[in-house]
N, C-alpha and C. Protein backbone atom coordinates (compact mmCIF):
# COMPACT_ATOMS: atom_id res chain seq x y z
N MET A 1 -6.15 -23.46 13.77
CA MET A 1 -6.67 -22.97 12.50
C MET A 1 -5.53 -22.95 11.49
N GLU A 2 -5.84 -23.30 10.28
CA GLU A 2 -4.85 -23.26 9.21
C GLU A 2 -4.72 -21.84 8.66
N LEU A 3 -3.55 -21.55 8.10
CA LEU A 3 -3.30 -20.22 7.54
C LEU A 3 -4.33 -19.82 6.50
N LYS A 4 -4.64 -20.75 5.61
CA LYS A 4 -5.59 -20.45 4.53
C LYS A 4 -6.95 -20.03 5.11
N LYS A 5 -7.39 -20.72 6.14
CA LYS A 5 -8.67 -20.40 6.77
C LYS A 5 -8.62 -19.02 7.42
N PHE A 6 -7.50 -18.70 8.09
CA PHE A 6 -7.35 -17.38 8.70
C PHE A 6 -7.48 -16.29 7.63
N HIS A 7 -6.78 -16.48 6.51
CA HIS A 7 -6.86 -15.51 5.40
C HIS A 7 -8.30 -15.35 4.93
N GLU A 8 -8.98 -16.46 4.72
CA GLU A 8 -10.37 -16.43 4.24
C GLU A 8 -11.27 -15.66 5.19
N ILE A 9 -11.12 -15.92 6.47
CA ILE A 9 -11.98 -15.25 7.45
C ILE A 9 -11.66 -13.76 7.51
N ALA A 10 -10.39 -13.41 7.57
CA ALA A 10 -10.00 -12.00 7.65
C ALA A 10 -10.48 -11.22 6.43
N LEU A 11 -10.48 -11.86 5.27
CA LEU A 11 -10.91 -11.18 4.04
C LEU A 11 -12.41 -11.29 3.80
N SER A 12 -13.13 -12.00 4.67
CA SER A 12 -14.58 -12.16 4.48
C SER A 12 -15.37 -10.95 4.94
N PHE A 13 -14.76 -10.08 5.72
CA PHE A 13 -15.45 -8.88 6.18
C PHE A 13 -15.54 -7.88 5.03
N PRO A 14 -16.60 -7.08 4.98
CA PRO A 14 -16.76 -6.12 3.87
C PRO A 14 -15.58 -5.16 3.75
N GLU A 15 -15.20 -4.91 2.51
CA GLU A 15 -14.18 -3.92 2.15
C GLU A 15 -12.82 -4.17 2.80
N THR A 16 -12.44 -5.44 2.93
CA THR A 16 -11.12 -5.74 3.48
C THR A 16 -10.16 -6.11 2.37
N GLU A 17 -8.88 -5.92 2.65
CA GLU A 17 -7.82 -6.25 1.71
C GLU A 17 -6.61 -6.73 2.48
N SER A 18 -5.70 -7.39 1.78
CA SER A 18 -4.46 -7.81 2.42
C SER A 18 -3.29 -7.26 1.62
N ASN A 19 -2.23 -6.92 2.34
CA ASN A 19 -1.00 -6.38 1.75
C ASN A 19 0.18 -6.84 2.59
N LEU A 20 1.35 -6.82 1.98
CA LEU A 20 2.56 -7.07 2.76
C LEU A 20 2.81 -5.90 3.69
N HIS A 21 3.24 -6.21 4.89
CA HIS A 21 3.56 -5.20 5.90
C HIS A 21 4.81 -5.70 6.62
N PHE A 22 5.97 -5.25 6.15
CA PHE A 22 7.26 -5.76 6.61
C PHE A 22 7.31 -7.26 6.35
N ASP A 23 7.53 -8.08 7.36
CA ASP A 23 7.62 -9.53 7.16
C ASP A 23 6.28 -10.23 7.39
N ARG A 24 5.22 -9.47 7.46
CA ARG A 24 3.89 -10.01 7.76
C ARG A 24 2.92 -9.71 6.63
N ILE A 25 1.80 -10.37 6.67
CA ILE A 25 0.67 -10.03 5.80
C ILE A 25 -0.31 -9.27 6.68
N ALA A 26 -0.71 -8.10 6.22
CA ALA A 26 -1.63 -7.26 6.99
C ALA A 26 -3.02 -7.31 6.37
N PHE A 27 -4.02 -7.28 7.23
CA PHE A 27 -5.42 -7.23 6.81
C PHE A 27 -5.99 -5.91 7.30
N LYS A 28 -6.60 -5.17 6.40
CA LYS A 28 -7.13 -3.86 6.76
C LYS A 28 -8.43 -3.61 6.03
N VAL A 29 -9.17 -2.67 6.54
CA VAL A 29 -10.35 -2.17 5.85
C VAL A 29 -9.85 -1.14 4.85
N THR A 30 -10.29 -1.24 3.61
CA THR A 30 -9.83 -0.34 2.57
C THR A 30 -9.99 1.12 3.01
N GLY A 31 -8.90 1.86 2.94
CA GLY A 31 -8.91 3.27 3.32
C GLY A 31 -8.86 3.52 4.81
N LYS A 32 -8.72 2.45 5.59
CA LYS A 32 -8.67 2.59 7.05
C LYS A 32 -7.47 1.84 7.60
N ARG A 33 -7.49 1.57 8.88
CA ARG A 33 -6.35 0.96 9.57
C ARG A 33 -6.30 -0.56 9.44
N ILE A 34 -5.13 -1.08 9.78
CA ILE A 34 -4.90 -2.52 9.86
C ILE A 34 -5.63 -3.04 11.10
N PHE A 35 -6.30 -4.19 10.97
CA PHE A 35 -6.93 -4.80 12.14
C PHE A 35 -6.27 -6.12 12.53
N ALA A 36 -5.43 -6.68 11.65
CA ALA A 36 -4.73 -7.92 11.99
C ALA A 36 -3.53 -8.09 11.06
N THR A 37 -2.51 -8.77 11.57
CA THR A 37 -1.38 -9.18 10.74
C THR A 37 -1.09 -10.63 11.06
N ILE A 38 -0.44 -11.29 10.12
CA ILE A 38 -0.07 -12.69 10.35
C ILE A 38 1.37 -12.90 9.91
N LEU A 39 2.11 -13.64 10.73
CA LEU A 39 3.47 -14.04 10.41
C LEU A 39 3.42 -15.53 10.13
N GLU A 40 3.45 -15.87 8.86
CA GLU A 40 3.23 -17.25 8.46
C GLU A 40 4.28 -18.20 9.01
N SER A 41 5.53 -17.75 9.12
CA SER A 41 6.61 -18.64 9.57
C SER A 41 6.41 -19.12 11.01
N SER A 42 5.74 -18.33 11.83
CA SER A 42 5.52 -18.74 13.23
C SER A 42 4.07 -19.09 13.53
N LEU A 43 3.22 -19.03 12.51
CA LEU A 43 1.79 -19.30 12.69
C LEU A 43 1.19 -18.45 13.81
N SER A 44 1.59 -17.19 13.82
CA SER A 44 1.05 -16.27 14.82
C SER A 44 0.41 -15.07 14.14
N ALA A 45 -0.65 -14.59 14.76
CA ALA A 45 -1.35 -13.40 14.27
C ALA A 45 -1.32 -12.35 15.37
N ASN A 46 -1.15 -11.11 14.97
CA ASN A 46 -1.32 -9.99 15.88
C ASN A 46 -2.63 -9.32 15.49
N ILE A 47 -3.52 -9.23 16.45
CA ILE A 47 -4.86 -8.69 16.21
C ILE A 47 -5.05 -7.47 17.10
N LYS A 48 -5.55 -6.37 16.51
CA LYS A 48 -5.72 -5.10 17.22
C LYS A 48 -7.09 -5.07 17.89
N LEU A 49 -7.07 -5.18 19.21
CA LEU A 49 -8.29 -5.17 20.00
C LEU A 49 -8.36 -3.91 20.86
N ASN A 50 -9.54 -3.58 21.34
CA ASN A 50 -9.57 -2.53 22.36
C ASN A 50 -9.06 -3.17 23.65
N ILE A 51 -8.72 -2.36 24.62
CA ILE A 51 -8.07 -2.86 25.83
C ILE A 51 -8.95 -3.84 26.61
N VAL A 52 -10.25 -3.60 26.64
CA VAL A 52 -11.16 -4.50 27.35
C VAL A 52 -11.19 -5.86 26.66
N ASP A 53 -11.36 -5.86 25.34
CA ASP A 53 -11.37 -7.13 24.59
C ASP A 53 -10.04 -7.86 24.72
N GLN A 54 -8.94 -7.11 24.71
CA GLN A 54 -7.62 -7.73 24.86
C GLN A 54 -7.55 -8.49 26.19
N SER A 55 -8.01 -7.87 27.25
CA SER A 55 -8.00 -8.50 28.56
C SER A 55 -8.85 -9.77 28.58
N VAL A 56 -10.01 -9.71 27.96
CA VAL A 56 -10.91 -10.86 27.92
C VAL A 56 -10.27 -12.01 27.14
N PHE A 57 -9.77 -11.73 25.95
CA PHE A 57 -9.17 -12.80 25.14
C PHE A 57 -7.94 -13.40 25.82
N CYS A 58 -7.11 -12.56 26.42
CA CYS A 58 -5.92 -13.07 27.11
C CYS A 58 -6.31 -13.97 28.28
N SER A 59 -7.44 -13.71 28.90
CA SER A 59 -7.87 -14.54 30.03
C SER A 59 -8.31 -15.94 29.59
N PHE A 60 -8.67 -16.10 28.32
CA PHE A 60 -9.08 -17.42 27.81
C PHE A 60 -7.92 -18.41 27.79
N ASN A 61 -6.73 -17.92 27.42
CA ASN A 61 -5.59 -18.82 27.24
C ASN A 61 -4.30 -18.00 27.26
N LYS A 62 -3.76 -17.77 28.44
CA LYS A 62 -2.59 -16.91 28.59
C LYS A 62 -1.34 -17.46 27.91
N LEU A 63 -1.30 -18.75 27.66
CA LEU A 63 -0.14 -19.37 27.02
C LEU A 63 -0.09 -19.07 25.52
N HIS A 64 -1.26 -18.99 24.87
CA HIS A 64 -1.31 -18.83 23.42
C HIS A 64 -1.97 -17.54 22.95
N ILE A 65 -2.43 -16.72 23.90
CA ILE A 65 -2.98 -15.39 23.59
C ILE A 65 -2.37 -14.42 24.59
N TYR A 66 -1.63 -13.45 24.08
CA TYR A 66 -0.94 -12.53 25.00
C TYR A 66 -0.68 -11.19 24.32
N SER A 67 -0.53 -10.18 25.15
CA SER A 67 -0.25 -8.83 24.69
C SER A 67 1.10 -8.79 23.99
N VAL A 68 1.17 -8.09 22.86
CA VAL A 68 2.44 -7.92 22.17
C VAL A 68 3.37 -7.15 23.11
N PRO A 69 4.62 -7.59 23.25
CA PRO A 69 5.53 -6.86 24.12
C PRO A 69 5.74 -5.43 23.61
N ASN A 70 6.00 -4.52 24.45
CA ASN A 70 6.30 -3.11 24.17
C ASN A 70 5.02 -2.29 24.05
N LYS A 71 5.16 -1.08 23.51
CA LYS A 71 4.01 -0.16 23.44
C LYS A 71 2.87 -0.68 22.57
N TRP A 72 3.17 -1.51 21.60
CA TRP A 72 2.11 -2.03 20.74
C TRP A 72 1.09 -2.80 21.58
N GLY A 73 1.55 -3.56 22.53
CA GLY A 73 0.65 -4.31 23.40
C GLY A 73 -0.25 -3.41 24.22
N SER A 74 0.30 -2.30 24.70
CA SER A 74 -0.51 -1.37 25.50
C SER A 74 -1.54 -0.63 24.65
N GLN A 75 -1.40 -0.73 23.32
CA GLN A 75 -2.38 -0.14 22.41
C GLN A 75 -3.42 -1.17 21.95
N GLY A 76 -3.34 -2.38 22.51
CA GLY A 76 -4.34 -3.41 22.20
C GLY A 76 -3.88 -4.51 21.26
N TRP A 77 -2.67 -4.39 20.71
CA TRP A 77 -2.18 -5.44 19.81
C TRP A 77 -1.92 -6.70 20.62
N THR A 78 -2.49 -7.80 20.16
CA THR A 78 -2.51 -9.05 20.90
C THR A 78 -2.07 -10.19 19.99
N THR A 79 -1.13 -11.02 20.47
CA THR A 79 -0.66 -12.15 19.68
C THR A 79 -1.53 -13.37 19.94
N PHE A 80 -1.90 -14.04 18.86
CA PHE A 80 -2.67 -15.29 18.90
C PHE A 80 -1.86 -16.35 18.16
N GLU A 81 -1.53 -17.44 18.83
CA GLU A 81 -0.83 -18.55 18.18
C GLU A 81 -1.90 -19.39 17.49
N ILE A 82 -2.09 -19.15 16.21
CA ILE A 82 -3.30 -19.63 15.53
C ILE A 82 -3.38 -21.15 15.41
N ASP A 83 -2.25 -21.82 15.41
CA ASP A 83 -2.29 -23.28 15.27
C ASP A 83 -2.64 -23.98 16.58
N LYS A 84 -2.76 -23.22 17.66
CA LYS A 84 -3.02 -23.81 18.98
C LYS A 84 -4.36 -23.39 19.57
N LEU A 85 -5.17 -22.69 18.78
CA LEU A 85 -6.42 -22.14 19.30
C LEU A 85 -7.62 -22.61 18.49
N LEU A 86 -8.76 -22.64 19.13
CA LEU A 86 -10.01 -22.97 18.45
C LEU A 86 -10.36 -21.88 17.43
N SER A 87 -10.91 -22.30 16.32
CA SER A 87 -11.31 -21.35 15.28
C SER A 87 -12.27 -20.30 15.81
N GLU A 88 -13.19 -20.71 16.68
CA GLU A 88 -14.19 -19.78 17.20
C GLU A 88 -13.55 -18.59 17.92
N ILE A 89 -12.48 -18.84 18.65
CA ILE A 89 -11.79 -17.75 19.36
C ILE A 89 -11.20 -16.78 18.36
N LEU A 90 -10.55 -17.30 17.32
CA LEU A 90 -9.93 -16.44 16.32
C LEU A 90 -10.97 -15.67 15.52
N ILE A 91 -12.06 -16.31 15.18
CA ILE A 91 -13.13 -15.63 14.45
C ILE A 91 -13.69 -14.49 15.30
N ASP A 92 -13.95 -14.74 16.58
CA ASP A 92 -14.45 -13.69 17.48
C ASP A 92 -13.47 -12.53 17.59
N ALA A 93 -12.18 -12.85 17.71
CA ALA A 93 -11.16 -11.80 17.84
C ALA A 93 -11.09 -10.96 16.56
N LEU A 94 -11.11 -11.61 15.41
CA LEU A 94 -11.07 -10.87 14.14
C LEU A 94 -12.30 -9.98 13.99
N GLU A 95 -13.46 -10.49 14.39
CA GLU A 95 -14.68 -9.70 14.31
C GLU A 95 -14.61 -8.47 15.23
N CYS A 96 -14.11 -8.65 16.44
CA CYS A 96 -13.94 -7.52 17.36
C CYS A 96 -13.00 -6.48 16.77
N ALA A 97 -11.89 -6.94 16.22
CA ALA A 97 -10.89 -6.02 15.65
C ALA A 97 -11.46 -5.27 14.45
N TYR A 98 -12.14 -5.99 13.58
CA TYR A 98 -12.75 -5.37 12.40
C TYR A 98 -13.76 -4.31 12.83
N ASN A 99 -14.60 -4.64 13.80
CA ASN A 99 -15.63 -3.70 14.26
C ASN A 99 -15.02 -2.45 14.88
N GLU A 100 -13.88 -2.57 15.52
CA GLU A 100 -13.20 -1.39 16.07
C GLU A 100 -12.74 -0.46 14.96
N VAL A 101 -12.26 -1.04 13.86
CA VAL A 101 -11.76 -0.23 12.74
C VAL A 101 -12.89 0.49 12.02
N ILE A 102 -14.03 -0.17 11.86
CA ILE A 102 -15.12 0.47 11.10
C ILE A 102 -15.98 1.39 11.95
N LYS A 103 -15.75 1.39 13.26
CA LYS A 103 -16.51 2.27 14.15
C LYS A 103 -16.30 3.72 13.72
N PRO A 104 -17.36 4.51 13.69
CA PRO A 104 -17.18 5.92 13.34
C PRO A 104 -16.24 6.60 14.33
N THR A 105 -15.37 7.44 13.81
CA THR A 105 -14.45 8.17 14.69
C THR A 105 -15.17 9.36 15.31
N LYS A 106 -14.79 9.68 16.53
CA LYS A 106 -15.40 10.82 17.22
C LYS A 106 -14.79 12.10 16.67
N VAL A 107 -15.63 13.07 16.44
CA VAL A 107 -15.17 14.35 15.90
C VAL A 107 -15.05 15.37 17.00
C-alpha cells in the first residue's frame, strides 16, 4: 500500500484527525486515543489492536506484521510493513483499531 492510500483510509473513519507525534504521523479519533501511527521513512505503521486481534494479524505474516518490541507490544501495538502487505489486511487492521477506540468505556 502506498503512504497516500494509508493516510486516506485512516482519515476516512468518522471524526478522525492526524497530527505529528514525535517522528511519526498519528491518527486518532478526535478527543480520544491514537489508533495508528506511521513512520514514512520506513514505510511502517504501528496499529493499536486488542491482544486477540494482534495475535490473529501476526499469524497472517510474521515477517511483515509483528508486535512492537517492549511494553508497547504487550499493550497491542503492532507493526505493519505497509509496502509489503495487501491493502485488505491493512484496511481490516485499521478498522479493528478504530473500533477499539470508539468502543464505549466501562464505568
